[in-house]
């Protein structure tokens, strides 16, 4: 009888311990799409991503005297490449190899600086994303998108709070990309 009761109880404690030590942040920013340009008539562009960060961590947090490294649930390079492809398709471009213009979206920086005391925490998230457009005629344009987001609250900075801060920052960058027409104008001028 004791074995039947002890084993499930031990398993529950082990699983509870694993759940509280999760070091992955579920990154899912809101994707805003731009207006379609009916004058494009299916120009083809290629899109790829790169991650230039020296450290793949999104945050490092002191929890119970130990430094815990938090990483994203998805590869940020592919996440942002997917976002840019959706935005360019919404504008009216065709995504494929050997396009008239090659776009590369680069993660230069994305990090949540977390500080916490006994009763308060502070999270400051900074994002630095670039889109590099290179035309077949040799012309090149680099467009940078930067955002900072700060939040403070009571007690501790949980993974959910850090995730919300990172997602808010990335969502703001993606909204800026959707509203900005400079890359779109560069492609239109150099895709001939």
N, C-alpha and C. Protein backbone atom coordinates (compact mmCIF):
# COMPACT_ATOMS: atom_id res chain seq x y z
N UNK A 1 0.83 -1.20 0.00
CA UNK A 1 0.00 0.00 0.00
C UNK A 1 0.87 1.25 0.00
N UNK A 2 1.92 1.23 0.82
CA UNK A 2 2.79 2.39 0.92
C UNK A 2 3.50 2.67 -0.41
N UNK A 3 3.94 1.60 -1.11
CA UNK A 3 4.60 1.76 -2.41
C UNK A 3 3.65 2.38 -3.43
N UNK A 4 2.39 1.94 -3.41
CA UNK A 4 1.40 2.46 -4.35
C UNK A 4 1.16 3.95 -4.13
N UNK A 5 1.26 4.40 -2.93
CA UNK A 5 1.04 5.80 -2.59
C UNK A 5 2.31 6.62 -2.77
N UNK A 6 3.45 6.05 -2.42
CA UNK A 6 4.72 6.78 -2.46
C UNK A 6 5.20 7.07 -3.88
N UNK A 7 5.09 6.09 -4.77
CA UNK A 7 5.59 6.28 -6.13
C UNK A 7 4.89 7.43 -6.88
N UNK A 8 3.54 7.47 -6.91
CA UNK A 8 2.88 8.61 -7.60
C UNK A 8 3.18 9.96 -6.93
N UNK A 9 3.33 9.95 -5.62
CA UNK A 9 3.64 11.18 -4.91
C UNK A 9 5.04 11.67 -5.27
N UNK A 10 6.00 10.76 -5.34
CA UNK A 10 7.37 11.10 -5.73
C UNK A 10 7.39 11.62 -7.18
N UNK A 11 6.67 10.96 -8.05
CA UNK A 11 6.60 11.39 -9.46
C UNK A 11 6.01 12.79 -9.57
N UNK A 12 5.00 13.08 -8.78
CA UNK A 12 4.38 14.42 -8.80
C UNK A 12 5.36 15.49 -8.36
N UNK A 13 6.15 15.20 -7.32
CA UNK A 13 7.16 16.16 -6.85
C UNK A 13 8.23 16.41 -7.91
N UNK A 14 8.67 15.35 -8.58
CA UNK A 14 9.69 15.49 -9.62
C UNK A 14 9.15 16.34 -10.78
N UNK A 15 7.93 16.06 -11.20
CA UNK A 15 7.33 16.83 -12.30
C UNK A 15 7.11 18.29 -11.89
N UNK A 16 6.71 18.52 -10.67
CA UNK A 16 6.52 19.89 -10.20
C UNK A 16 7.84 20.64 -10.21
N UNK A 17 8.92 19.97 -9.83
CA UNK A 17 10.24 20.58 -9.85
C UNK A 17 10.67 20.94 -11.27
N UNK A 18 10.37 20.07 -12.23
CA UNK A 18 10.72 20.35 -13.63
C UNK A 18 9.93 21.53 -14.18
N UNK A 19 8.66 21.60 -13.82
CA UNK A 19 7.81 22.67 -14.34
C UNK A 19 8.27 24.04 -13.87
N UNK A 20 8.76 24.14 -12.65
CA UNK A 20 9.15 25.44 -12.12
C UNK A 20 10.52 25.89 -12.63
N UNK A 21 11.30 24.98 -13.21
CA UNK A 21 12.63 25.32 -13.70
C UNK A 21 12.67 25.51 -15.21
N UNK A 22 11.55 25.84 -15.81
CA UNK A 22 11.50 26.03 -17.26
C UNK A 22 12.35 27.24 -17.65
N UNK A 23 13.23 27.06 -18.63
CA UNK A 23 14.11 28.15 -19.05
C UNK A 23 13.82 28.60 -20.48
N UNK A 24 12.67 28.23 -21.02
CA UNK A 24 12.31 28.59 -22.38
C UNK A 24 11.18 29.61 -22.37
N UNK A 25 11.37 30.70 -23.14
CA UNK A 25 10.33 31.73 -23.27
C UNK A 25 9.59 31.52 -24.59
N UNK A 26 8.27 31.49 -24.51
CA UNK A 26 7.44 31.24 -25.69
C UNK A 26 7.27 32.54 -26.48
N UNK A 27 8.09 32.74 -27.49
CA UNK A 27 8.10 33.98 -28.25
C UNK A 27 7.09 33.89 -29.39
N UNK A 28 6.05 34.72 -29.30
CA UNK A 28 4.99 34.78 -30.31
C UNK A 28 4.52 36.22 -30.45
N UNK A 29 5.28 37.05 -31.17
CA UNK A 29 4.85 38.45 -31.33
C UNK A 29 3.64 38.56 -32.25
N UNK A 30 2.92 39.67 -32.10
CA UNK A 30 1.80 39.96 -33.00
C UNK A 30 2.38 40.38 -34.34
N UNK A 31 1.82 39.83 -35.42
CA UNK A 31 2.31 40.13 -36.77
C UNK A 31 1.33 41.09 -37.43
N UNK A 32 1.83 42.28 -37.72
CA UNK A 32 1.03 43.27 -38.44
C UNK A 32 1.44 43.25 -39.90
N UNK A 33 0.44 43.23 -40.80
CA UNK A 33 0.71 43.18 -42.23
C UNK A 33 0.45 44.54 -42.87
N UNK A 34 1.26 44.91 -43.87
CA UNK A 34 1.07 46.19 -44.56
C UNK A 34 -0.02 46.09 -45.63
N UNK A 35 -0.35 47.24 -46.21
CA UNK A 35 -1.31 47.30 -47.31
C UNK A 35 -0.69 46.72 -48.58
N UNK A 36 -1.54 46.15 -49.42
CA UNK A 36 -1.08 45.61 -50.70
C UNK A 36 -0.84 46.75 -51.69
N UNK A 37 0.19 46.60 -52.51
CA UNK A 37 0.48 47.55 -53.58
C UNK A 37 0.05 46.90 -54.90
N UNK A 38 -1.08 47.36 -55.48
CA UNK A 38 -1.58 46.72 -56.70
C UNK A 38 -0.66 46.93 -57.92
N UNK A 39 0.28 47.86 -57.84
CA UNK A 39 1.16 48.15 -58.97
C UNK A 39 2.38 47.24 -59.05
N UNK A 40 2.50 46.26 -58.16
CA UNK A 40 3.71 45.43 -58.15
C UNK A 40 3.74 44.39 -59.27
N UNK A 41 2.62 43.80 -59.55
CA UNK A 41 2.50 42.76 -60.57
C UNK A 41 3.49 41.61 -60.36
N UNK A 42 3.58 41.11 -59.15
CA UNK A 42 4.31 39.88 -58.86
C UNK A 42 5.82 39.92 -58.97
N UNK A 43 6.45 41.00 -58.57
CA UNK A 43 7.92 41.04 -58.55
C UNK A 43 8.43 40.00 -57.56
N UNK A 44 9.50 39.28 -57.93
CA UNK A 44 10.06 38.24 -57.08
C UNK A 44 11.22 38.78 -56.26
N UNK A 45 11.20 38.45 -54.97
CA UNK A 45 12.31 38.80 -54.06
C UNK A 45 12.66 37.55 -53.25
N UNK A 46 13.88 37.51 -52.76
CA UNK A 46 14.26 36.41 -51.87
C UNK A 46 14.43 36.98 -50.46
N UNK A 47 14.17 36.14 -49.46
CA UNK A 47 14.24 36.56 -48.06
C UNK A 47 15.00 35.50 -47.27
N UNK A 48 15.95 35.95 -46.44
CA UNK A 48 16.60 35.04 -45.50
C UNK A 48 16.87 35.79 -44.20
N UNK A 49 17.23 35.04 -43.18
CA UNK A 49 17.45 35.64 -41.86
C UNK A 49 18.82 35.33 -41.32
N UNK A 50 19.26 36.14 -40.37
CA UNK A 50 20.54 35.93 -39.69
C UNK A 50 20.42 36.41 -38.25
N UNK A 51 21.15 35.77 -37.37
CA UNK A 51 21.18 36.16 -35.97
C UNK A 51 22.62 36.51 -35.62
N UNK A 52 22.89 37.80 -35.40
CA UNK A 52 24.24 38.29 -35.14
C UNK A 52 24.53 38.47 -33.65
N UNK A 53 23.62 38.03 -32.79
CA UNK A 53 23.84 38.19 -31.35
C UNK A 53 24.98 37.29 -30.89
N UNK A 54 25.80 37.81 -30.00
CA UNK A 54 26.92 37.01 -29.48
C UNK A 54 26.45 35.98 -28.46
N UNK A 55 25.31 36.23 -27.83
CA UNK A 55 24.75 35.33 -26.82
C UNK A 55 23.31 35.03 -27.21
N UNK A 56 22.93 33.77 -27.24
CA UNK A 56 21.59 33.38 -27.66
C UNK A 56 20.54 33.55 -26.56
N UNK A 57 20.96 33.95 -25.37
CA UNK A 57 20.02 34.14 -24.25
C UNK A 57 19.15 35.36 -24.49
N UNK A 58 17.90 35.27 -24.06
CA UNK A 58 17.00 36.43 -24.08
C UNK A 58 17.06 37.18 -22.75
N UNK A 59 17.39 36.47 -21.69
CA UNK A 59 17.49 37.09 -20.36
C UNK A 59 18.29 36.18 -19.45
N UNK A 60 18.90 36.80 -18.44
CA UNK A 60 19.57 36.04 -17.39
C UNK A 60 19.03 36.58 -16.07
N UNK A 61 18.47 35.67 -15.27
CA UNK A 61 17.76 36.07 -14.07
C UNK A 61 18.34 35.33 -12.87
N UNK A 62 18.49 36.05 -11.76
CA UNK A 62 18.95 35.44 -10.52
C UNK A 62 17.73 34.88 -9.80
N UNK A 63 17.70 33.54 -9.69
CA UNK A 63 16.59 32.89 -8.99
C UNK A 63 17.15 31.97 -7.92
N UNK A 64 16.80 32.26 -6.70
CA UNK A 64 17.26 31.46 -5.55
C UNK A 64 18.77 31.34 -5.51
N UNK A 65 19.46 32.44 -5.80
CA UNK A 65 20.91 32.46 -5.72
C UNK A 65 21.63 31.87 -6.92
N UNK A 66 20.88 31.45 -7.95
CA UNK A 66 21.50 30.89 -9.16
C UNK A 66 21.13 31.74 -10.36
N UNK A 67 22.10 31.91 -11.27
CA UNK A 67 21.85 32.65 -12.50
C UNK A 67 21.21 31.71 -13.52
N UNK A 68 19.97 32.01 -13.91
CA UNK A 68 19.22 31.17 -14.85
C UNK A 68 19.21 31.86 -16.21
N UNK A 69 19.58 31.13 -17.25
CA UNK A 69 19.59 31.66 -18.61
C UNK A 69 18.30 31.27 -19.30
N UNK A 70 17.57 32.28 -19.84
CA UNK A 70 16.31 32.04 -20.52
C UNK A 70 16.53 32.19 -22.03
N UNK A 71 16.07 31.20 -22.78
CA UNK A 71 16.25 31.19 -24.24
C UNK A 71 14.89 31.16 -24.94
N UNK A 72 14.84 31.55 -26.23
CA UNK A 72 13.56 31.57 -26.95
C UNK A 72 13.09 30.18 -27.34
N UNK A 73 11.78 30.03 -27.49
CA UNK A 73 11.19 28.76 -27.89
C UNK A 73 11.44 28.48 -29.37
N UNK A 74 11.68 29.52 -30.15
CA UNK A 74 11.94 29.37 -31.59
C UNK A 74 13.23 30.08 -31.95
N UNK A 75 13.83 29.65 -33.04
CA UNK A 75 15.01 30.33 -33.58
C UNK A 75 14.55 31.69 -34.09
N UNK A 76 15.07 32.77 -33.50
CA UNK A 76 14.62 34.12 -33.85
C UNK A 76 14.88 34.45 -35.32
N UNK A 77 15.95 33.91 -35.87
CA UNK A 77 16.28 34.16 -37.27
C UNK A 77 15.15 33.67 -38.17
N UNK A 78 14.65 32.47 -37.92
CA UNK A 78 13.58 31.92 -38.75
C UNK A 78 12.24 32.58 -38.45
N UNK A 79 12.01 32.93 -37.19
CA UNK A 79 10.78 33.62 -36.82
C UNK A 79 10.66 34.95 -37.58
N UNK A 80 11.73 35.76 -37.56
CA UNK A 80 11.68 37.06 -38.22
C UNK A 80 11.71 36.93 -39.74
N UNK A 81 12.36 35.90 -40.25
CA UNK A 81 12.32 35.65 -41.69
C UNK A 81 10.88 35.35 -42.13
N UNK A 82 10.19 34.55 -41.34
CA UNK A 82 8.80 34.22 -41.62
C UNK A 82 7.92 35.47 -41.59
N UNK A 83 8.16 36.34 -40.60
CA UNK A 83 7.39 37.59 -40.49
C UNK A 83 7.62 38.46 -41.73
N UNK A 84 8.88 38.63 -42.13
CA UNK A 84 9.19 39.47 -43.29
C UNK A 84 8.59 38.88 -44.57
N UNK A 85 8.64 37.56 -44.71
CA UNK A 85 8.02 36.92 -45.89
C UNK A 85 6.52 37.21 -45.94
N UNK A 86 5.84 37.09 -44.78
CA UNK A 86 4.40 37.37 -44.73
C UNK A 86 4.11 38.83 -45.09
N UNK A 87 4.94 39.75 -44.57
CA UNK A 87 4.73 41.17 -44.86
C UNK A 87 4.95 41.47 -46.34
N UNK A 88 6.00 40.90 -46.92
CA UNK A 88 6.29 41.16 -48.34
C UNK A 88 5.24 40.52 -49.24
N UNK A 89 4.75 39.34 -48.87
CA UNK A 89 3.68 38.69 -49.63
C UNK A 89 2.41 39.54 -49.55
N UNK A 90 2.11 40.10 -48.38
CA UNK A 90 0.94 40.97 -48.23
C UNK A 90 1.05 42.21 -49.10
N UNK A 91 2.28 42.72 -49.30
CA UNK A 91 2.47 43.89 -50.18
C UNK A 91 2.24 43.52 -51.64
N UNK A 92 2.42 42.24 -51.97
CA UNK A 92 2.20 41.81 -53.34
C UNK A 92 3.41 41.17 -54.01
N UNK A 93 4.49 40.96 -53.24
CA UNK A 93 5.69 40.34 -53.79
C UNK A 93 5.55 38.83 -53.82
N UNK A 94 6.31 38.20 -54.71
CA UNK A 94 6.42 36.75 -54.75
C UNK A 94 7.77 36.42 -54.10
N UNK A 95 7.77 35.48 -53.15
CA UNK A 95 9.00 35.08 -52.47
C UNK A 95 9.56 33.86 -53.20
N UNK A 96 10.82 33.94 -53.59
CA UNK A 96 11.45 32.82 -54.28
C UNK A 96 12.93 33.07 -54.50
N UNK A 97 13.63 32.07 -55.00
CA UNK A 97 15.06 32.24 -55.26
C UNK A 97 15.27 33.12 -56.49
N UNK A 98 16.47 33.65 -56.62
CA UNK A 98 16.85 34.46 -57.78
C UNK A 98 15.92 35.65 -58.02
N UNK A 99 15.54 36.31 -56.94
CA UNK A 99 14.70 37.50 -57.07
C UNK A 99 15.52 38.69 -57.53
N UNK A 100 14.82 39.75 -57.92
CA UNK A 100 15.49 40.97 -58.35
C UNK A 100 16.19 41.65 -57.18
N UNK A 101 15.66 41.44 -55.98
CA UNK A 101 16.25 42.01 -54.76
C UNK A 101 16.28 40.92 -53.70
N UNK A 102 17.42 40.83 -53.00
CA UNK A 102 17.56 39.89 -51.88
C UNK A 102 17.40 40.68 -50.57
N UNK A 103 16.50 40.20 -49.72
CA UNK A 103 16.31 40.81 -48.40
C UNK A 103 16.87 39.88 -47.34
N UNK A 104 17.61 40.46 -46.40
CA UNK A 104 18.08 39.70 -45.24
C UNK A 104 17.64 40.44 -44.00
N UNK A 105 16.94 39.73 -43.11
CA UNK A 105 16.55 40.33 -41.84
C UNK A 105 17.53 39.81 -40.78
N UNK A 106 18.14 40.75 -40.05
CA UNK A 106 19.23 40.43 -39.14
C UNK A 106 18.83 40.82 -37.71
N UNK A 107 18.97 39.86 -36.78
CA UNK A 107 18.77 40.15 -35.36
C UNK A 107 20.11 40.62 -34.82
N UNK A 108 20.26 41.93 -34.66
CA UNK A 108 21.49 42.49 -34.09
C UNK A 108 21.49 42.39 -32.57
N UNK A 109 20.31 42.54 -31.99
CA UNK A 109 20.19 42.48 -30.54
C UNK A 109 18.75 42.26 -30.13
N UNK A 110 18.54 41.43 -29.13
CA UNK A 110 17.24 41.26 -28.49
C UNK A 110 17.53 40.68 -27.12
N UNK A 111 17.27 41.48 -26.09
CA UNK A 111 17.62 41.06 -24.74
C UNK A 111 16.72 41.75 -23.73
N UNK A 112 16.33 41.01 -22.71
CA UNK A 112 15.55 41.56 -21.60
C UNK A 112 16.46 41.68 -20.38
N UNK A 113 16.71 42.91 -19.96
CA UNK A 113 17.52 43.16 -18.78
C UNK A 113 16.59 43.12 -17.56
N UNK A 114 16.77 42.12 -16.73
CA UNK A 114 15.87 41.90 -15.60
C UNK A 114 16.60 42.19 -14.30
N UNK A 115 16.02 43.08 -13.49
CA UNK A 115 16.54 43.32 -12.14
C UNK A 115 15.40 43.10 -11.16
N UNK A 116 15.73 42.47 -10.05
CA UNK A 116 14.69 42.26 -9.05
C UNK A 116 15.27 42.30 -7.66
N UNK A 117 14.48 42.89 -6.78
CA UNK A 117 14.84 42.95 -5.38
C UNK A 117 13.90 42.06 -4.59
N UNK A 118 13.71 42.39 -3.33
CA UNK A 118 12.83 41.58 -2.49
C UNK A 118 11.35 41.82 -2.78
N UNK A 119 11.01 43.04 -3.20
CA UNK A 119 9.58 43.34 -3.38
C UNK A 119 9.23 43.90 -4.77
N UNK A 120 10.23 44.24 -5.58
CA UNK A 120 9.94 44.82 -6.90
C UNK A 120 10.86 44.23 -7.95
N UNK A 121 10.38 44.29 -9.20
CA UNK A 121 11.21 43.87 -10.32
C UNK A 121 11.11 44.92 -11.42
N UNK A 122 12.08 44.89 -12.32
CA UNK A 122 12.09 45.78 -13.48
C UNK A 122 12.59 44.97 -14.68
N UNK A 123 11.90 45.11 -15.81
CA UNK A 123 12.31 44.44 -17.04
C UNK A 123 12.44 45.52 -18.12
N UNK A 124 13.60 45.62 -18.73
CA UNK A 124 13.81 46.53 -19.86
C UNK A 124 14.27 45.69 -21.05
N UNK A 125 13.45 45.67 -22.07
CA UNK A 125 13.74 44.87 -23.26
C UNK A 125 14.15 45.78 -24.40
N UNK A 126 15.24 45.42 -25.08
CA UNK A 126 15.71 46.18 -26.23
C UNK A 126 15.81 45.27 -27.43
N UNK A 127 15.32 45.77 -28.56
CA UNK A 127 15.41 45.03 -29.83
C UNK A 127 16.12 45.90 -30.85
N UNK A 128 16.97 45.28 -31.64
CA UNK A 128 17.69 45.95 -32.72
C UNK A 128 17.69 45.00 -33.92
N UNK A 129 16.85 45.32 -34.90
CA UNK A 129 16.66 44.47 -36.09
C UNK A 129 17.00 45.29 -37.33
N UNK A 130 17.69 44.67 -38.28
CA UNK A 130 18.01 45.34 -39.55
C UNK A 130 17.44 44.56 -40.72
N UNK A 131 17.04 45.28 -41.75
CA UNK A 131 16.71 44.66 -43.03
C UNK A 131 17.72 45.18 -44.04
N UNK A 132 18.46 44.26 -44.64
CA UNK A 132 19.45 44.62 -45.66
C UNK A 132 18.88 44.21 -47.02
N UNK A 133 18.68 45.20 -47.88
CA UNK A 133 18.16 44.94 -49.23
C UNK A 133 19.31 45.10 -50.22
N UNK A 134 19.56 44.05 -51.01
CA UNK A 134 20.63 44.07 -52.00
C UNK A 134 20.02 43.76 -53.36
N UNK A 135 20.13 44.71 -54.28
CA UNK A 135 19.58 44.53 -55.63
C UNK A 135 20.62 43.88 -56.52
N UNK A 136 20.14 43.23 -57.58
CA UNK A 136 21.04 42.58 -58.54
C UNK A 136 21.92 43.61 -59.26
N UNK A 137 21.47 44.87 -59.33
CA UNK A 137 22.25 45.92 -60.00
C UNK A 137 23.36 46.48 -59.11
N UNK A 138 23.51 45.94 -57.87
CA UNK A 138 24.59 46.36 -56.98
C UNK A 138 24.17 47.36 -55.92
N UNK A 139 23.00 47.97 -56.05
CA UNK A 139 22.53 48.93 -55.04
C UNK A 139 22.17 48.18 -53.75
N UNK A 140 22.38 48.89 -52.63
CA UNK A 140 22.15 48.28 -51.32
C UNK A 140 21.54 49.30 -50.37
N UNK A 141 20.66 48.82 -49.49
CA UNK A 141 20.06 49.68 -48.47
C UNK A 141 19.98 48.91 -47.16
N UNK A 142 20.32 49.58 -46.06
CA UNK A 142 20.19 48.98 -44.73
C UNK A 142 19.19 49.83 -43.95
N UNK A 143 18.16 49.18 -43.43
CA UNK A 143 17.14 49.87 -42.64
C UNK A 143 17.13 49.24 -41.25
N UNK A 144 17.30 50.06 -40.21
CA UNK A 144 17.34 49.58 -38.82
C UNK A 144 16.03 49.88 -38.11
N UNK A 145 15.61 48.94 -37.30
CA UNK A 145 14.41 49.09 -36.47
C UNK A 145 14.82 48.81 -35.03
N UNK A 146 14.59 49.79 -34.16
CA UNK A 146 14.98 49.63 -32.75
C UNK A 146 13.78 49.97 -31.86
N UNK A 147 13.63 49.21 -30.82
CA UNK A 147 12.56 49.44 -29.85
C UNK A 147 13.07 49.13 -28.45
N UNK A 148 12.54 49.87 -27.47
CA UNK A 148 12.81 49.61 -26.07
C UNK A 148 11.48 49.56 -25.34
N UNK A 149 11.35 48.63 -24.43
CA UNK A 149 10.12 48.46 -23.66
C UNK A 149 10.50 48.22 -22.20
N UNK A 150 9.86 48.95 -21.29
CA UNK A 150 10.16 48.78 -19.86
C UNK A 150 8.88 48.54 -19.08
N UNK A 151 9.00 47.69 -18.08
CA UNK A 151 7.86 47.43 -17.20
C UNK A 151 8.41 47.15 -15.80
N UNK A 152 7.65 47.58 -14.79
CA UNK A 152 8.01 47.33 -13.40
C UNK A 152 6.81 46.73 -12.70
N UNK A 153 7.07 46.00 -11.64
CA UNK A 153 5.96 45.42 -10.90
C UNK A 153 6.39 44.93 -9.54
N UNK A 154 5.43 44.34 -8.84
CA UNK A 154 5.69 43.84 -7.49
C UNK A 154 6.19 42.40 -7.53
N UNK A 155 7.01 42.07 -6.58
CA UNK A 155 7.53 40.73 -6.32
C UNK A 155 8.55 40.30 -7.39
N UNK A 156 8.32 39.19 -8.09
CA UNK A 156 9.37 38.64 -8.96
C UNK A 156 9.00 38.73 -10.44
N UNK A 157 10.04 38.74 -11.26
CA UNK A 157 9.87 38.74 -12.71
C UNK A 157 9.77 37.29 -13.17
N UNK A 158 8.54 36.83 -13.35
CA UNK A 158 8.32 35.45 -13.78
C UNK A 158 8.64 35.31 -15.27
N UNK A 159 8.74 34.07 -15.72
CA UNK A 159 8.96 33.82 -17.15
C UNK A 159 7.85 34.44 -17.99
N UNK A 160 6.62 34.36 -17.49
CA UNK A 160 5.49 34.92 -18.24
C UNK A 160 5.63 36.44 -18.40
N UNK A 161 6.08 37.12 -17.37
CA UNK A 161 6.26 38.58 -17.43
C UNK A 161 7.39 38.95 -18.38
N UNK A 162 8.47 38.18 -18.35
CA UNK A 162 9.60 38.43 -19.26
C UNK A 162 9.18 38.14 -20.70
N UNK A 163 8.44 37.06 -20.90
CA UNK A 163 7.93 36.71 -22.23
C UNK A 163 7.05 37.82 -22.78
N UNK A 164 6.16 38.35 -21.94
CA UNK A 164 5.28 39.45 -22.38
C UNK A 164 6.09 40.67 -22.81
N UNK A 165 7.14 40.97 -22.07
CA UNK A 165 7.98 42.13 -22.40
C UNK A 165 8.69 41.92 -23.75
N UNK A 166 9.25 40.74 -23.96
CA UNK A 166 9.94 40.44 -25.22
C UNK A 166 8.95 40.45 -26.38
N UNK A 167 7.78 39.83 -26.19
CA UNK A 167 6.77 39.81 -27.26
C UNK A 167 6.27 41.21 -27.60
N UNK A 168 6.10 42.06 -26.59
CA UNK A 168 5.66 43.44 -26.83
C UNK A 168 6.69 44.21 -27.65
N UNK A 169 7.96 44.03 -27.31
CA UNK A 169 9.03 44.72 -28.03
C UNK A 169 9.10 44.26 -29.48
N UNK A 170 9.07 42.94 -29.68
CA UNK A 170 9.12 42.41 -31.04
C UNK A 170 7.88 42.81 -31.84
N UNK A 171 6.72 42.83 -31.19
CA UNK A 171 5.48 43.25 -31.87
C UNK A 171 5.59 44.70 -32.34
N UNK A 172 6.21 45.57 -31.52
CA UNK A 172 6.40 46.97 -31.91
C UNK A 172 7.34 47.09 -33.11
N UNK A 173 8.41 46.29 -33.13
CA UNK A 173 9.33 46.30 -34.27
C UNK A 173 8.61 45.84 -35.53
N UNK A 174 7.83 44.78 -35.42
CA UNK A 174 7.11 44.24 -36.57
C UNK A 174 6.10 45.25 -37.09
N UNK A 175 5.43 45.98 -36.18
CA UNK A 175 4.49 47.03 -36.59
C UNK A 175 5.23 48.15 -37.33
N UNK A 176 6.42 48.52 -36.83
CA UNK A 176 7.23 49.54 -37.53
C UNK A 176 7.61 49.07 -38.93
N UNK A 177 7.98 47.80 -39.07
CA UNK A 177 8.34 47.25 -40.38
C UNK A 177 7.16 47.30 -41.33
N UNK A 178 5.96 47.03 -40.82
CA UNK A 178 4.76 47.03 -41.67
C UNK A 178 4.41 48.44 -42.14
N UNK A 179 4.64 49.44 -41.27
CA UNK A 179 4.28 50.82 -41.62
C UNK A 179 5.34 51.51 -42.46
N UNK A 180 6.58 51.05 -42.37
CA UNK A 180 7.68 51.68 -43.09
C UNK A 180 7.67 51.24 -44.55
N UNK A 181 7.79 52.20 -45.45
CA UNK A 181 7.76 51.88 -46.88
C UNK A 181 9.13 52.03 -47.54
N UNK A 182 10.19 52.32 -46.78
CA UNK A 182 11.49 52.58 -47.40
C UNK A 182 12.07 51.35 -48.11
N UNK A 183 11.93 50.16 -47.52
CA UNK A 183 12.42 48.94 -48.17
C UNK A 183 11.58 48.65 -49.41
N UNK A 184 10.30 48.84 -49.30
CA UNK A 184 9.38 48.64 -50.42
C UNK A 184 9.74 49.58 -51.59
N UNK A 185 10.00 50.84 -51.28
CA UNK A 185 10.37 51.80 -52.33
C UNK A 185 11.71 51.43 -52.97
N UNK A 186 12.66 50.97 -52.16
CA UNK A 186 13.96 50.54 -52.69
C UNK A 186 13.77 49.38 -53.67
N UNK A 187 12.93 48.42 -53.30
CA UNK A 187 12.69 47.27 -54.19
C UNK A 187 12.06 47.73 -55.48
N UNK A 188 11.05 48.61 -55.39
CA UNK A 188 10.37 49.09 -56.60
C UNK A 188 11.34 49.80 -57.54
N UNK A 189 12.26 50.57 -56.97
CA UNK A 189 13.21 51.34 -57.79
C UNK A 189 14.30 50.44 -58.40
N UNK A 190 14.63 49.34 -57.75
CA UNK A 190 15.76 48.52 -58.19
C UNK A 190 15.39 47.14 -58.74
N UNK A 191 14.11 46.85 -58.83
CA UNK A 191 13.68 45.53 -59.31
C UNK A 191 13.52 45.47 -60.82
N UNK A 192 13.88 46.52 -61.50
CA UNK A 192 13.68 46.55 -62.94
C UNK A 192 14.81 45.79 -63.63
